Amino acid sequence: MKTVSILGLLVGLLLGTALVGYFGFGEVLQALFSVHWPGFIAMVAYQLGVIASLGVCWYVLAAQSGSLAAFIWGRLIRDSGSEVLPLSQLGGFAMGARATTLLGVPSSVGMASTIVDVTMELFAQLGYTALGLGVLAWQTPSNPLIGWTALGLTLALLGGIGFVAVQHRGLPVAERAFAAVAKRWEKASATPLRVVHEDIRRIYRRPRALWLGGSLHLAVWIASSFQAWLALRFMGVDLDFRAALAIESLLYAIRSVAFAVPNAVGVQEGAYIMLGATFGVTPETALALSLLKRGRDLAIGVPALLVWQMLESGRVLARRVSVRGRSNEQPPAPMAGK
C-alpha cells in the first residue's frame, strides 16, 4: 500500500508540474499572486472556520464523550494529515482519531465516531455533488460529464449503504478492513475492534444526532464553495456562485474517486482545468486556484502537525518517566540463601 501511495504521489507531482509548465509558469504565478496577502489570509481564516464547523459535526455524533475542543482539534489534525503528509485519507482518519485522545476522548469512541462521522460526511458529499450536478445539467445539458457523474453518484450511494451495513453487522469484515489502521494507530496494542463496534452501534441508536450531523456536513460543504468563489473574485474572475458550487462539488467527487493518490496531487489540478473550462475559467486561473488552496492547507497544516507532534512527544516522555519512577520504587528482591 505504501508503494502504491508513493508511486501515485510521484505520478501526481509529475502531472501537476507538467500542467503548470504547459499552460505557462508565468501566467499561473501571475494569477496566483493577484490574490495578494490579505486575500490569502482571508482564505486561511475562512478555512479554519470550515474546519471548526466540521469539528462541530463530529462532536454532535459523539456528544458527552469529550469536549468540543477535542473534536475540533481532531478534525484539524485529520485534514492536516490528509492534505499535507503523503498519506491516503485513511492515514488522516487514524491521525484525527488519535489526536482526540490527547484531549480526553476514549480511544474506542475516537475511532468509532470517526467511522460514523466519515459515513455521514460521505452522504452529505453525495448531496453536495448532486447539487453541483444539477447546476451542470441546467447550464450545459449536453455535457458528457453529466452521465458519468450520475453513474458515479449511484455507485457511491450503493457503496455508502453497504458501508453502513458493515458497521451494523459485519464485524469480521470491519476487523479485516481496519486492522492495518488500528495497528498503525497503536503500536503495541490497538483498541479491540469489538469495543469500537459497540460504540458505533451506540452512536447509530441516536438518529437525531445522525440527521443533525449529516445536515451540518451538507451545510458546511455548501459554505466551502464560497471560498473558491471568493478566491476567484480576488483573481478578477466574476463567476456566478452556482458555477463555483458546481466546480467545487464535482472536484471533491473526483478527489474521492482518486483517494489512493496522496493529497490528490495532479488529480486536483487536472480536475480544476476540466471543470473550470466548462464554466469559462481559464486553465491558468484554475491552476492558480488549486495552488492557492494547497498553499492555504500548508499554512494551516504544518503548524498544526508540529504542535501535535510536540504533544505526542510530551505524552510519550511522561509515560516513560512514570514507568521509570514505578520501577525505581519497587523494593529490591531478597537474596537467595545458600
C-alpha atoms as a PDB file:
ATOM      1  CA  MET A   1       0.000   0.000   0.000  1.00  0.00           C
ATOM      2  CA  LYS A   2       2.858   2.378   0.813  1.00  0.00           C
ATOM      3  CA  THR A   3       4.462   1.622  -2.551  1.00  0.00           C
ATOM      4  CA  VAL A   4       1.211   2.439  -4.343  1.00  0.00           C
ATOM      5  CA  SER A   5       0.882   5.721  -2.417  1.00  0.00           C
ATOM      6  CA  ILE A   6       4.455   6.770  -3.189  1.00  0.00           C
ATOM      7  CA  LEU A   7       4.031   5.867  -6.854  1.00  0.00           C
ATOM      8  CA  GLY A   8       0.742   7.773  -7.003  1.00  0.00           C
ATOM      9  CA  LEU A   9       2.381  10.793  -5.375  1.00  0.00           C
ATOM     10  CA  LEU A  10       5.269  10.804  -7.863  1.00  0.00           C
ATOM     11  CA  VAL A  11       2.962  10.451 -10.863  1.00  0.00           C
ATOM     12  CA  GLY A  12       0.735  13.212  -9.477  1.00  0.00           C
ATOM     13  CA  LEU A  13       3.665  15.561  -8.942  1.00  0.00           C
ATOM     14  CA  LEU A  14       4.870  14.973 -12.495  1.00  0.00           C
ATOM     15  CA  LEU A  15       1.371  15.544 -13.863  1.00  0.00           C
ATOM     16  CA  GLY A  16       0.830  18.713 -11.834  1.00  0.00           C
ATOM     17  CA  THR A  17       4.203  20.142 -12.832  1.00  0.00           C
ATOM     18  CA  ALA A  18       3.589  19.259 -16.480  1.00  0.00           C
ATOM     19  CA  LEU A  19       0.212  21.017 -16.453  1.00  0.00           C
ATOM     20  CA  VAL A  20       1.662  24.190 -14.943  1.00  0.00           C
ATOM     21  CA  GLY A  21       4.542  24.094 -17.412  1.00  0.00           C
ATOM     22  CA  TYR A  22       2.241  23.503 -20.381  1.00  0.00           C
ATOM     23  CA  PHE A  23      -0.024  26.455 -19.589  1.00  0.00           C
ATOM     24  CA  GLY A  24       2.888  28.663 -18.528  1.00  0.00           C
ATOM     25  CA  PHE A  25       4.574  29.112 -15.163  1.00  0.00           C
ATOM     26  CA  GLY A  26       4.489  32.883 -15.530  1.00  0.00           C
ATOM     27  CA  GLU A  27       0.771  33.061 -16.327  1.00  0.00           C
ATOM     28  CA  VAL A  28      -0.134  30.735 -13.452  1.00  0.00           C
ATOM     29  CA  LEU A  29       2.035  32.639 -10.964  1.00  0.00           C
ATOM     30  CA  GLN A  30       0.618  35.963 -12.140  1.00  0.00           C
ATOM     31  CA  ALA A  31      -2.916  34.735 -11.417  1.00  0.00           C
ATOM     32  CA  LEU A  32      -1.792  33.268  -8.089  1.00  0.00           C
ATOM     33  CA  PHE A  33      -0.063  36.406  -6.841  1.00  0.00           C
ATOM     34  CA  SER A  34      -3.007  38.592  -7.856  1.00  0.00           C
ATOM     35  CA  VAL A  35      -4.723  37.383  -4.667  1.00  0.00           C
ATOM     36  CA  HIS A  36      -2.135  39.237  -2.510  1.00  0.00           C
ATOM     37  CA  TRP A  37      -1.532  38.640   1.202  1.00  0.00           C
ATOM     38  CA  PRO A  38      -4.867  39.986   2.517  1.00  0.00           C
ATOM     39  CA  GLY A  39      -6.705  37.622   0.203  1.00  0.00           C
ATOM     40  CA  PHE A  40      -4.554  34.671   1.241  1.00  0.00           C
ATOM     41  CA  ILE A  41      -5.050  35.448   4.949  1.00  0.00           C
ATOM     42  CA  ALA A  42      -8.815  35.632   4.341  1.00  0.00           C
ATOM     43  CA  MET A  43      -8.637  32.191   2.704  1.00  0.00           C
ATOM     44  CA  VAL A  44      -6.770  30.735   5.668  1.00  0.00           C
ATOM     45  CA  ALA A  45      -9.191  32.288   8.178  1.00  0.00           C
ATOM     46  CA  TYR A  46     -12.210  31.026   6.249  1.00  0.00           C
ATOM     47  CA  GLN A  47     -10.777  27.500   6.069  1.00  0.00           C
ATOM     48  CA  LEU A  48     -10.147  27.491   9.809  1.00  0.00           C
ATOM     49  CA  GLY A  49     -13.825  28.303  10.238  1.00  0.00           C
ATOM     50  CA  VAL A  50     -14.742  25.420   7.932  1.00  0.00           C
ATOM     51  CA  ILE A  51     -12.550  23.017   9.922  1.00  0.00           C
ATOM     52  CA  ALA A  52     -14.068  24.187  13.208  1.00  0.00           C
ATOM     53  CA  SER A  53     -17.559  23.663  11.779  1.00  0.00           C
ATOM     54  CA  LEU A  54     -16.633  20.143  10.676  1.00  0.00           C
ATOM     55  CA  GLY A  55     -15.375  19.505  14.196  1.00  0.00           C
ATOM     56  CA  VAL A  56     -18.827  20.503  15.465  1.00  0.00           C
ATOM     57  CA  CYS A  57     -20.393  17.933  13.113  1.00  0.00           C
ATOM     58  CA  TRP A  58     -18.151  15.256  14.627  1.00  0.00           C
ATOM     59  CA  TYR A  59     -18.876  16.398  18.175  1.00  0.00           C
ATOM     60  CA  VAL A  60     -22.629  16.119  17.602  1.00  0.00           C
ATOM     61  CA  LEU A  61     -22.239  12.413  16.884  1.00  0.00           C
ATOM     62  CA  ALA A  62     -20.069  11.745  19.952  1.00  0.00           C
ATOM     63  CA  ALA A  63     -21.683  14.150  22.422  1.00  0.00           C
ATOM     64  CA  GLN A  64     -20.859  13.655  26.110  1.00  0.00           C
ATOM     65  CA  SER A  65     -17.786  11.613  25.163  1.00  0.00           C
ATOM     66  CA  GLY A  66     -15.393  14.563  25.095  1.00  0.00           C
ATOM     67  CA  SER A  67     -15.140  18.309  24.774  1.00  0.00           C
ATOM     68  CA  LEU A  68     -15.970  20.255  21.621  1.00  0.00           C
ATOM     69  CA  ALA A  69     -12.337  21.419  21.513  1.00  0.00           C
ATOM     70  CA  ALA A  70     -11.168  17.803  21.333  1.00  0.00           C
ATOM     71  CA  PHE A  71     -13.163  17.124  18.159  1.00  0.00           C
ATOM     72  CA  ILE A  72     -12.239  20.422  16.506  1.00  0.00           C
ATOM     73  CA  TRP A  73      -8.602  19.616  17.256  1.00  0.00           C
ATOM     74  CA  GLY A  74      -9.048  16.080  15.913  1.00  0.00           C
ATOM     75  CA  ARG A  75     -10.621  17.400  12.725  1.00  0.00           C
ATOM     76  CA  LEU A  76      -7.751  19.839  12.257  1.00  0.00           C
ATOM     77  CA  ILE A  77      -5.234  17.004  12.526  1.00  0.00           C
ATOM     78  CA  ARG A  78      -7.322  14.739  10.281  1.00  0.00           C
ATOM     79  CA  ASP A  79      -7.406  17.308   7.489  1.00  0.00           C
ATOM     80  CA  SER A  80      -3.783  18.348   8.022  1.00  0.00           C
ATOM     81  CA  GLY A  81      -2.599  14.753   7.755  1.00  0.00           C
ATOM     82  CA  SER A  82      -4.646  14.153   4.606  1.00  0.00           C
ATOM     83  CA  GLU A  83      -3.658  17.391   2.867  1.00  0.00           C
ATOM     84  CA  VAL A  84      -0.047  17.909   3.965  1.00  0.00           C
ATOM     85  CA  LEU A  85       1.534  14.497   4.552  1.00  0.00           C
ATOM     86  CA  PRO A  86       1.977  11.944   1.743  1.00  0.00           C
ATOM     87  CA  LEU A  87      -0.788   9.753   3.162  1.00  0.00           C
ATOM     88  CA  SER A  88      -4.030   8.316   1.885  1.00  0.00           C
ATOM     89  CA  GLN A  89      -7.222   9.567   3.510  1.00  0.00           C
ATOM     90  CA  LEU A  90      -7.222   6.522   5.819  1.00  0.00           C
ATOM     91  CA  GLY A  91      -3.998   7.785   7.364  1.00  0.00           C
ATOM     92  CA  GLY A  92      -5.607  11.153   8.081  1.00  0.00           C
ATOM     93  CA  PHE A  93      -8.623   9.461   9.689  1.00  0.00           C
ATOM     94  CA  ALA A  94      -6.380   7.476  12.038  1.00  0.00           C
ATOM     95  CA  MET A  95      -4.398  10.586  12.964  1.00  0.00           C
ATOM     96  CA  GLY A  96      -7.545  12.567  13.733  1.00  0.00           C
ATOM     97  CA  ALA A  97      -8.953   9.817  15.950  1.00  0.00           C
ATOM     98  CA  ARG A  98      -5.645   9.537  17.760  1.00  0.00           C
ATOM     99  CA  ALA A  99      -5.488  13.318  18.269  1.00  0.00           C
ATOM    100  CA  THR A 100      -8.823  13.390  20.111  1.00  0.00           C
ATOM    101  CA  THR A 101      -7.441  11.012  22.765  1.00  0.00           C
ATOM    102  CA  LEU A 102      -4.858  13.647  23.723  1.00  0.00           C
ATOM    103  CA  LEU A 103      -7.747  15.806  24.953  1.00  0.00           C
ATOM    104  CA  GLY A 104      -9.500  13.088  26.898  1.00  0.00           C
ATOM    105  CA  VAL A 105     -11.722  11.258  24.397  1.00  0.00           C
ATOM    106  CA  PRO A 106     -11.704   7.467  24.982  1.00  0.00           C
ATOM    107  CA  SER A 107      -9.776   5.755  22.199  1.00  0.00           C
ATOM    108  CA  SER A 108     -12.661   3.476  21.208  1.00  0.00           C
ATOM    109  CA  VAL A 109     -15.026   6.454  20.976  1.00  0.00           C
ATOM    110  CA  GLY A 110     -12.480   8.390  18.915  1.00  0.00           C
ATOM    111  CA  MET A 111     -12.222   5.595  16.365  1.00  0.00           C
ATOM    112  CA  ALA A 112     -15.947   4.710  16.367  1.00  0.00           C
ATOM    113  CA  SER A 113     -17.103   8.316  15.998  1.00  0.00           C
ATOM    114  CA  THR A 114     -14.548   8.840  13.219  1.00  0.00           C
ATOM    115  CA  ILE A 115     -16.055   5.971  11.227  1.00  0.00           C
ATOM    116  CA  VAL A 116     -19.614   7.251  11.682  1.00  0.00           C
ATOM    117  CA  ASP A 117     -18.602  10.867  11.015  1.00  0.00           C
ATOM    118  CA  VAL A 118     -16.884   9.831   7.773  1.00  0.00           C
ATOM    119  CA  THR A 119     -20.061   7.967   6.806  1.00  0.00           C
ATOM    120  CA  MET A 120     -22.302  10.979   7.454  1.00  0.00           C
ATOM    121  CA  GLU A 121     -19.885  13.190   5.545  1.00  0.00           C
ATOM    122  CA  LEU A 122     -19.972  10.731   2.639  1.00  0.00           C
ATOM    123  CA  PHE A 123     -23.753  11.006   2.340  1.00  0.00           C
ATOM    124  CA  ALA A 124     -23.561  14.791   2.732  1.00  0.00           C
ATOM    125  CA  GLN A 125     -20.972  14.924  -0.038  1.00  0.00           C
ATOM    126  CA  LEU A 126     -23.287  12.907  -2.281  1.00  0.00           C
ATOM    127  CA  GLY A 127     -25.975  15.539  -1.722  1.00  0.00           C
ATOM    128  CA  TYR A 128     -23.421  18.273  -2.390  1.00  0.00           C
ATOM    129  CA  THR A 129     -22.346  16.586  -5.629  1.00  0.00           C
ATOM    130  CA  ALA A 130     -25.985  16.182  -6.649  1.00  0.00           C
ATOM    131  CA  LEU A 131     -26.449  19.950  -6.274  1.00  0.00           C
ATOM    132  CA  GLY A 132     -23.402  20.559  -8.457  1.00  0.00           C
ATOM    133  CA  LEU A 133     -24.661  18.033 -10.991  1.00  0.00           C
ATOM    134  CA  GLY A 134     -27.991  19.878 -11.122  1.00  0.00           C
ATOM    135  CA  VAL A 135     -26.211  23.164 -11.886  1.00  0.00           C
ATOM    136  CA  LEU A 136     -24.088  21.457 -14.548  1.00  0.00           C
ATOM    137  CA  ALA A 137     -27.146  19.865 -16.201  1.00  0.00           C
ATOM    138  CA  TRP A 138     -29.007  23.178 -16.134  1.00  0.00           C
ATOM    139  CA  GLN A 139     -26.213  25.264 -17.664  1.00  0.00           C
ATOM    140  CA  THR A 140     -24.687  22.687 -20.051  1.00  0.00           C
ATOM    141  CA  PRO A 141     -27.309  19.962 -20.627  1.00  0.00           C
ATOM    142  CA  SER A 142     -25.273  18.208 -23.339  1.00  0.00           C
ATOM    143  CA  ASN A 143     -22.112  17.879 -21.229  1.00  0.00           C
ATOM    144  CA  PRO A 144     -20.922  14.224 -21.245  1.00  0.00           C
ATOM    145  CA  LEU A 145     -19.737  14.642 -17.656  1.00  0.00           C
ATOM    146  CA  ILE A 146     -23.382  14.596 -16.529  1.00  0.00           C
ATOM    147  CA  GLY A 147     -23.908  10.913 -17.289  1.00  0.00           C
ATOM    148  CA  TRP A 148     -20.633   9.804 -15.752  1.00  0.00           C
ATOM    149  CA  THR A 149     -21.268  11.842 -12.613  1.00  0.00           C
ATOM    150  CA  ALA A 150     -24.778  10.432 -12.255  1.00  0.00           C
ATOM    151  CA  LEU A 151     -23.391   6.898 -12.588  1.00  0.00           C
ATOM    152  CA  GLY A 152     -20.697   7.658 -10.025  1.00  0.00           C
ATOM    153  CA  LEU A 153     -23.296   9.075  -7.612  1.00  0.00           C
ATOM    154  CA  THR A 154     -25.399   5.928  -7.898  1.00  0.00           C
ATOM    155  CA  LEU A 155     -22.436   3.633  -7.277  1.00  0.00           C
ATOM    156  CA  ALA A 156     -21.228   5.799  -4.375  1.00  0.00           C
ATOM    157  CA  LEU A 157     -24.698   5.718  -2.810  1.00  0.00           C
ATOM    158  CA  LEU A 158     -24.781   1.924  -3.022  1.00  0.00           C
ATOM    159  CA  GLY A 159     -21.272   1.800  -1.557  1.00  0.00           C
ATOM    160  CA  GLY A 160     -22.299   4.085   1.298  1.00  0.00           C
ATOM    161  CA  ILE A 161     -25.299   1.900   2.112  1.00  0.00           C
ATOM    162  CA  GLY A 162     -23.045  -1.153   2.104  1.00  0.00           C
ATOM    163  CA  PHE A 163     -20.586   0.615   4.412  1.00  0.00           C
ATOM    164  CA  VAL A 164     -23.378   1.327   6.893  1.00  0.00           C
ATOM    165  CA  ALA A 165     -24.437  -2.322   6.746  1.00  0.00           C
ATOM    166  CA  VAL A 166     -20.879  -3.407   7.530  1.00  0.00           C
ATOM    167  CA  GLN A 167     -20.795  -1.083  10.534  1.00  0.00           C
ATOM    168  CA  HIS A 168     -24.012  -2.591  11.868  1.00  0.00           C
ATOM    169  CA  ARG A 169     -23.479  -6.288  11.253  1.00  0.00           C
ATOM    170  CA  GLY A 170     -20.195  -7.007   9.503  1.00  0.00           C
ATOM    171  CA  LEU A 171     -17.738  -7.042  12.424  1.00  0.00           C
ATOM    172  CA  PRO A 172     -15.401  -9.664  10.874  1.00  0.00           C
ATOM    173  CA  VAL A 173     -15.254  -7.596   7.679  1.00  0.00           C
ATOM    174  CA  ALA A 174     -14.592  -4.431   9.688  1.00  0.00           C
ATOM    175  CA  GLU A 175     -11.817  -6.146  11.607  1.00  0.00           C
ATOM    176  CA  ARG A 176     -10.048  -7.067   8.385  1.00  0.00           C
ATOM    177  CA  ALA A 177     -10.639  -3.637   6.833  1.00  0.00           C
ATOM    178  CA  PHE A 178      -9.409  -1.585   9.794  1.00  0.00           C
ATOM    179  CA  ALA A 179      -6.738  -3.909  11.204  1.00  0.00           C
ATOM    180  CA  ALA A 180      -3.933  -2.048   9.433  1.00  0.00           C
ATOM    181  CA  VAL A 181      -5.232   1.331  10.606  1.00  0.00           C
ATOM    182  CA  ALA A 182      -5.597   0.112  14.171  1.00  0.00           C
ATOM    183  CA  LYS A 183      -2.108  -1.390  14.148  1.00  0.00           C
ATOM    184  CA  ARG A 184      -0.600   1.851  12.897  1.00  0.00           C
ATOM    185  CA  TRP A 185      -2.628   3.867  15.403  1.00  0.00           C
ATOM    186  CA  GLU A 186      -1.473   1.854  18.408  1.00  0.00           C
ATOM    187  CA  LYS A 187       1.973   0.296  18.045  1.00  0.00           C
ATOM    188  CA  ALA A 188       1.754  -2.182  20.843  1.00  0.00           C
ATOM    189  CA  SER A 189      -1.951  -2.852  21.461  1.00  0.00           C
ATOM    190  CA  ALA A 190      -4.840  -1.417  19.473  1.00  0.00           C
ATOM    191  CA  THR A 191      -8.240  -0.812  20.999  1.00  0.00           C
ATOM    192  CA  PRO A 192     -10.234  -4.034  20.483  1.00  0.00           C
ATOM    193  CA  LEU A 193     -12.450  -3.567  17.460  1.00  0.00           C
ATOM    194  CA  ARG A 194     -15.289  -5.317  19.283  1.00  0.00           C
ATOM    195  CA  VAL A 195     -15.405  -2.358  21.676  1.00  0.00           C
ATOM    196  CA  VAL A 196     -15.256   0.048  18.730  1.00  0.00           C
ATOM    197  CA  HIS A 197     -18.154  -1.792  17.111  1.00  0.00           C
ATOM    198  CA  GLU A 198     -20.241  -1.442  20.273  1.00  0.00           C
ATOM    199  CA  ASP A 199     -19.570   2.308  20.311  1.00  0.00           C
ATOM    200  CA  ILE A 200     -20.545   2.543  16.634  1.00  0.00           C
ATOM    201  CA  ARG A 201     -23.879   0.861  17.313  1.00  0.00           C
ATOM    202  CA  ARG A 202     -24.408   3.155  20.292  1.00  0.00           C
ATOM    203  CA  ILE A 203     -23.984   6.188  18.039  1.00  0.00           C
ATOM    204  CA  TYR A 204     -26.420   4.781  15.471  1.00  0.00           C
ATOM    205  CA  ARG A 205     -29.050   4.473  18.201  1.00  0.00           C
ATOM    206  CA  ARG A 206     -29.203   8.306  18.240  1.00  0.00           C
ATOM    207  CA  PRO A 207     -30.986   9.104  14.929  1.00  0.00           C
ATOM    208  CA  ARG A 208     -31.440  12.797  15.737  1.00  0.00           C
ATOM    209  CA  ALA A 209     -27.688  13.188  16.137  1.00  0.00           C
ATOM    210  CA  LEU A 210     -27.135  11.374  12.843  1.00  0.00           C
ATOM    211  CA  TRP A 211     -29.553  13.633  10.977  1.00  0.00           C
ATOM    212  CA  LEU A 212     -28.131  16.750  12.605  1.00  0.00           C
ATOM    213  CA  GLY A 213     -24.541  15.732  11.906  1.00  0.00           C
ATOM    214  CA  GLY A 214     -25.301  14.894   8.278  1.00  0.00           C
ATOM    215  CA  SER A 215     -27.265  18.118   7.726  1.00  0.00           C
ATOM    216  CA  LEU A 216     -24.463  20.199   9.238  1.00  0.00           C
ATOM    217  CA  HIS A 217     -21.953  18.443   6.998  1.00  0.00           C
ATOM    218  CA  LEU A 218     -24.022  19.335   3.922  1.00  0.00           C
ATOM    219  CA  ALA A 219     -24.305  22.958   5.045  1.00  0.00           C
ATOM    220  CA  VAL A 220     -20.541  23.185   5.585  1.00  0.00           C
ATOM    221  CA  TRP A 221     -19.834  21.637   2.167  1.00  0.00           C
ATOM    222  CA  ILE A 222     -22.054  24.240   0.509  1.00  0.00           C
ATOM    223  CA  ALA A 223     -20.466  27.040   2.542  1.00  0.00           C
ATOM    224  CA  SER A 224     -16.998  25.871   1.496  1.00  0.00           C
ATOM    225  CA  SER A 225     -17.893  26.713  -2.129  1.00  0.00           C
ATOM    226  CA  PHE A 226     -17.958  30.381  -1.159  1.00  0.00           C
ATOM    227  CA  GLN A 227     -14.224  30.190  -0.523  1.00  0.00           C
ATOM    228  CA  ALA A 228     -13.449  29.232  -4.125  1.00  0.00           C
ATOM    229  CA  TRP A 229     -15.836  31.898  -5.385  1.00  0.00           C
ATOM    230  CA  LEU A 230     -14.095  34.475  -3.181  1.00  0.00           C
ATOM    231  CA  ALA A 231     -10.626  33.401  -4.346  1.00  0.00           C
ATOM    232  CA  LEU A 232     -11.669  33.771  -7.974  1.00  0.00           C
ATOM    233  CA  ARG A 233     -13.024  37.231  -7.215  1.00  0.00           C
ATOM    234  CA  PHE A 234      -9.598  38.130  -5.767  1.00  0.00           C
ATOM    235  CA  MET A 235      -8.132  36.998  -9.110  1.00  0.00           C
ATOM    236  CA  GLY A 236     -10.523  39.235 -11.010  1.00  0.00           C
ATOM    237  CA  VAL A 237     -12.844  36.455 -12.195  1.00  0.00           C
ATOM    238  CA  ASP A 238     -16.545  37.310 -11.870  1.00  0.00           C
ATOM    239  CA  LEU A 239     -18.014  33.812 -11.596  1.00  0.00           C
ATOM    240  CA  ASP A 240     -21.577  33.048 -10.555  1.00  0.00           C
ATOM    241  CA  PHE A 241     -21.736  31.358  -7.134  1.00  0.00           C
ATOM    242  CA  ARG A 242     -23.740  28.441  -8.555  1.00  0.00           C
ATOM    243  CA  ALA A 243     -20.946  27.757 -11.023  1.00  0.00           C
ATOM    244  CA  ALA A 244     -18.397  27.851  -8.193  1.00  0.00           C
ATOM    245  CA  LEU A 245     -20.552  25.379  -6.249  1.00  0.00           C
ATOM    246  CA  ALA A 246     -20.686  23.048  -9.246  1.00  0.00           C
ATOM    247  CA  ILE A 247     -16.915  23.204  -9.761  1.00  0.00           C
ATOM    248  CA  GLU A 248     -16.132  22.558  -6.105  1.00  0.00           C
ATOM    249  CA  SER A 249     -18.691  19.780  -5.620  1.00  0.00           C
ATOM    250  CA  LEU A 250     -17.612  17.890  -8.727  1.00  0.00           C
ATOM    251  CA  LEU A 251     -13.957  18.454  -7.860  1.00  0.00           C
ATOM    252  CA  TYR A 252     -14.338  16.739  -4.494  1.00  0.00           C
ATOM    253  CA  ALA A 253     -16.268  13.914  -6.124  1.00  0.00           C
ATOM    254  CA  ILE A 254     -13.287  13.340  -8.422  1.00  0.00           C
ATOM    255  CA  ARG A 255     -10.899  13.574  -5.474  1.00  0.00           C
ATOM    256  CA  SER A 256     -12.883  10.930  -3.624  1.00  0.00           C
ATOM    257  CA  VAL A 257     -12.520   8.524  -6.551  1.00  0.00           C
ATOM    258  CA  ALA A 258      -8.762   9.166  -6.542  1.00  0.00           C
ATOM    259  CA  PHE A 259      -8.459   8.633  -2.768  1.00  0.00           C
ATOM    260  CA  ALA A 260      -5.384   6.403  -3.193  1.00  0.00           C
ATOM    261  CA  VAL A 261      -3.339   9.329  -4.577  1.00  0.00           C
ATOM    262  CA  PRO A 262      -1.848  11.235  -1.604  1.00  0.00           C
ATOM    263  CA  ASN A 263      -3.235  14.774  -1.401  1.00  0.00           C
ATOM    264  CA  ALA A 264      -4.851  14.192  -4.842  1.00  0.00           C
ATOM    265  CA  VAL A 265      -1.668  15.690  -6.318  1.00  0.00           C
ATOM    266  CA  GLY A 266      -2.099  16.165 -10.049  1.00  0.00           C
ATOM    267  CA  VAL A 267      -5.691  14.910  -9.892  1.00  0.00           C
ATOM    268  CA  GLN A 268      -6.936  18.144  -8.336  1.00  0.00           C
ATOM    269  CA  GLU A 269      -5.078  20.267 -10.879  1.00  0.00           C
ATOM    270  CA  GLY A 270      -6.397  18.293 -13.851  1.00  0.00           C
ATOM    271  CA  ALA A 271      -9.940  18.341 -12.463  1.00  0.00           C
ATOM    272  CA  TYR A 272      -9.852  22.094 -11.930  1.00  0.00           C
ATOM    273  CA  ILE A 273      -8.760  22.651 -15.545  1.00  0.00           C
ATOM    274  CA  MET A 274     -11.529  20.404 -16.903  1.00  0.00           C
ATOM    275  CA  LEU A 275     -14.302  21.759 -14.684  1.00  0.00           C
ATOM    276  CA  GLY A 276     -13.155  25.363 -14.951  1.00  0.00           C
ATOM    277  CA  ALA A 277     -13.284  25.210 -18.749  1.00  0.00           C
ATOM    278  CA  THR A 278     -16.947  24.176 -18.528  1.00  0.00           C
ATOM    279  CA  PHE A 279     -17.786  27.437 -16.754  1.00  0.00           C
ATOM    280  CA  GLY A 280     -15.405  29.775 -18.570  1.00  0.00           C
ATOM    281  CA  VAL A 281     -12.450  29.736 -16.149  1.00  0.00           C
ATOM    282  CA  THR A 282      -9.091  29.749 -17.961  1.00  0.00           C
ATOM    283  CA  PRO A 283      -6.608  26.912 -17.281  1.00  0.00           C
ATOM    284  CA  GLU A 284      -4.093  29.357 -15.798  1.00  0.00           C
ATOM    285  CA  THR A 285      -6.653  30.663 -13.313  1.00  0.00           C
ATOM    286  CA  ALA A 286      -7.838  27.138 -12.478  1.00  0.00           C
ATOM    287  CA  LEU A 287      -4.276  26.035 -11.730  1.00  0.00           C
ATOM    288  CA  ALA A 288      -3.670  29.166  -9.660  1.00  0.00           C
ATOM    289  CA  LEU A 289      -6.778  28.368  -7.604  1.00  0.00           C
ATOM    290  CA  SER A 290      -5.523  24.837  -6.984  1.00  0.00           C
ATOM    291  CA  LEU A 291      -2.078  26.077  -5.920  1.00  0.00           C
ATOM    292  CA  LEU A 292      -3.668  28.731  -3.697  1.00  0.00           C
ATOM    293  CA  LYS A 293      -5.655  26.056  -1.865  1.00  0.00           C
ATOM    294  CA  ARG A 294      -2.558  23.915  -1.457  1.00  0.00           C
ATOM    295  CA  GLY A 295      -0.669  26.885  -0.006  1.00  0.00           C
ATOM    296  CA  ARG A 296      -3.561  27.519   2.371  1.00  0.00           C
ATOM    297  CA  ASP A 297      -3.504  23.879   3.504  1.00  0.00           C
ATOM    298  CA  LEU A 298       0.245  24.066   4.157  1.00  0.00           C
ATOM    299  CA  ALA A 299      -0.136  27.296   6.149  1.00  0.00           C
ATOM    300  CA  ILE A 300      -2.702  25.582   8.385  1.00  0.00           C
ATOM    301  CA  GLY A 301      -1.479  22.006   8.391  1.00  0.00           C
ATOM    302  CA  VAL A 302       2.252  22.355   9.033  1.00  0.00           C
ATOM    303  CA  PRO A 303       1.926  24.299  12.339  1.00  0.00           C
ATOM    304  CA  ALA A 304      -0.926  22.030  13.452  1.00  0.00           C
ATOM    305  CA  LEU A 305       1.098  18.870  12.826  1.00  0.00           C
ATOM    306  CA  LEU A 306       4.137  20.330  14.595  1.00  0.00           C
ATOM    307  CA  VAL A 307       2.037  21.088  17.686  1.00  0.00           C
ATOM    308  CA  TRP A 308       0.521  17.598  17.530  1.00  0.00           C
ATOM    309  CA  GLN A 309       3.967  16.013  17.378  1.00  0.00           C
ATOM    310  CA  MET A 310       5.120  18.033  20.387  1.00  0.00           C
ATOM    311  CA  LEU A 311       2.069  16.934  22.365  1.00  0.00           C
ATOM    312  CA  GLU A 312       2.616  13.305  21.380  1.00  0.00           C
ATOM    313  CA  SER A 313       6.305  13.502  22.299  1.00  0.00           C
ATOM    314  CA  GLY A 314       5.442  15.025  25.678  1.00  0.00           C
ATOM    315  CA  ARG A 315       2.942  12.247  26.303  1.00  0.00           C
ATOM    316  CA  VAL A 316       5.464   9.530  25.459  1.00  0.00           C
ATOM    317  CA  LEU A 317       8.127  11.176  27.635  1.00  0.00           C
ATOM    318  CA  ALA A 318       5.723  11.476  30.586  1.00  0.00           C
ATOM    319  CA  ARG A 319       4.794   7.808  30.216  1.00  0.00           C
ATOM    320  CA  ARG A 320       8.457   6.743  30.233  1.00  0.00           C
ATOM    321  CA  VAL A 321       9.193   8.858  33.311  1.00  0.00           C
ATOM    322  CA  SER A 322       6.174   7.355  35.073  1.00  0.00           C
ATOM    323  CA  VAL A 323       7.235   3.802  34.243  1.00  0.00           C
ATOM    324  CA  ARG A 324      10.805   4.510  35.323  1.00  0.00           C
ATOM    325  CA  GLY A 325       9.573   6.040  38.590  1.00  0.00           C
ATOM    326  CA  ARG A 326       7.454   2.991  39.389  1.00  0.00           C
ATOM    327  CA  SER A 327      10.348   0.652  38.674  1.00  0.00           C
ATOM    328  CA  ASN A 328      12.636   2.640  40.997  1.00  0.00           C
ATOM    329  CA  GLU A 329      10.091   2.452  43.802  1.00  0.00           C
ATOM    330  CA  GLN A 330       9.996  -1.355  43.761  1.00  0.00           C
ATOM    331  CA  PRO A 331      11.902  -2.900  46.709  1.00  0.00           C
ATOM    332  CA  PRO A 332      14.976  -4.953  45.820  1.00  0.00           C
ATOM    333  CA  ALA A 333      14.394  -8.686  45.543  1.00  0.00           C
ATOM    334  CA  PRO A 334      15.624 -10.715  48.566  1.00  0.00           C
ATOM    335  CA  MET A 335      18.857 -12.593  48.075  1.00  0.00           C
ATOM    336  CA  ALA A 336      18.523 -16.302  47.827  1.00  0.00           C
ATOM    337  CA  GLY A 337      20.075 -18.237  50.758  1.00  0.00           C
ATOM    338  CA  LYS A 338      22.939 -20.645  50.279  1.00  0.00           C
END
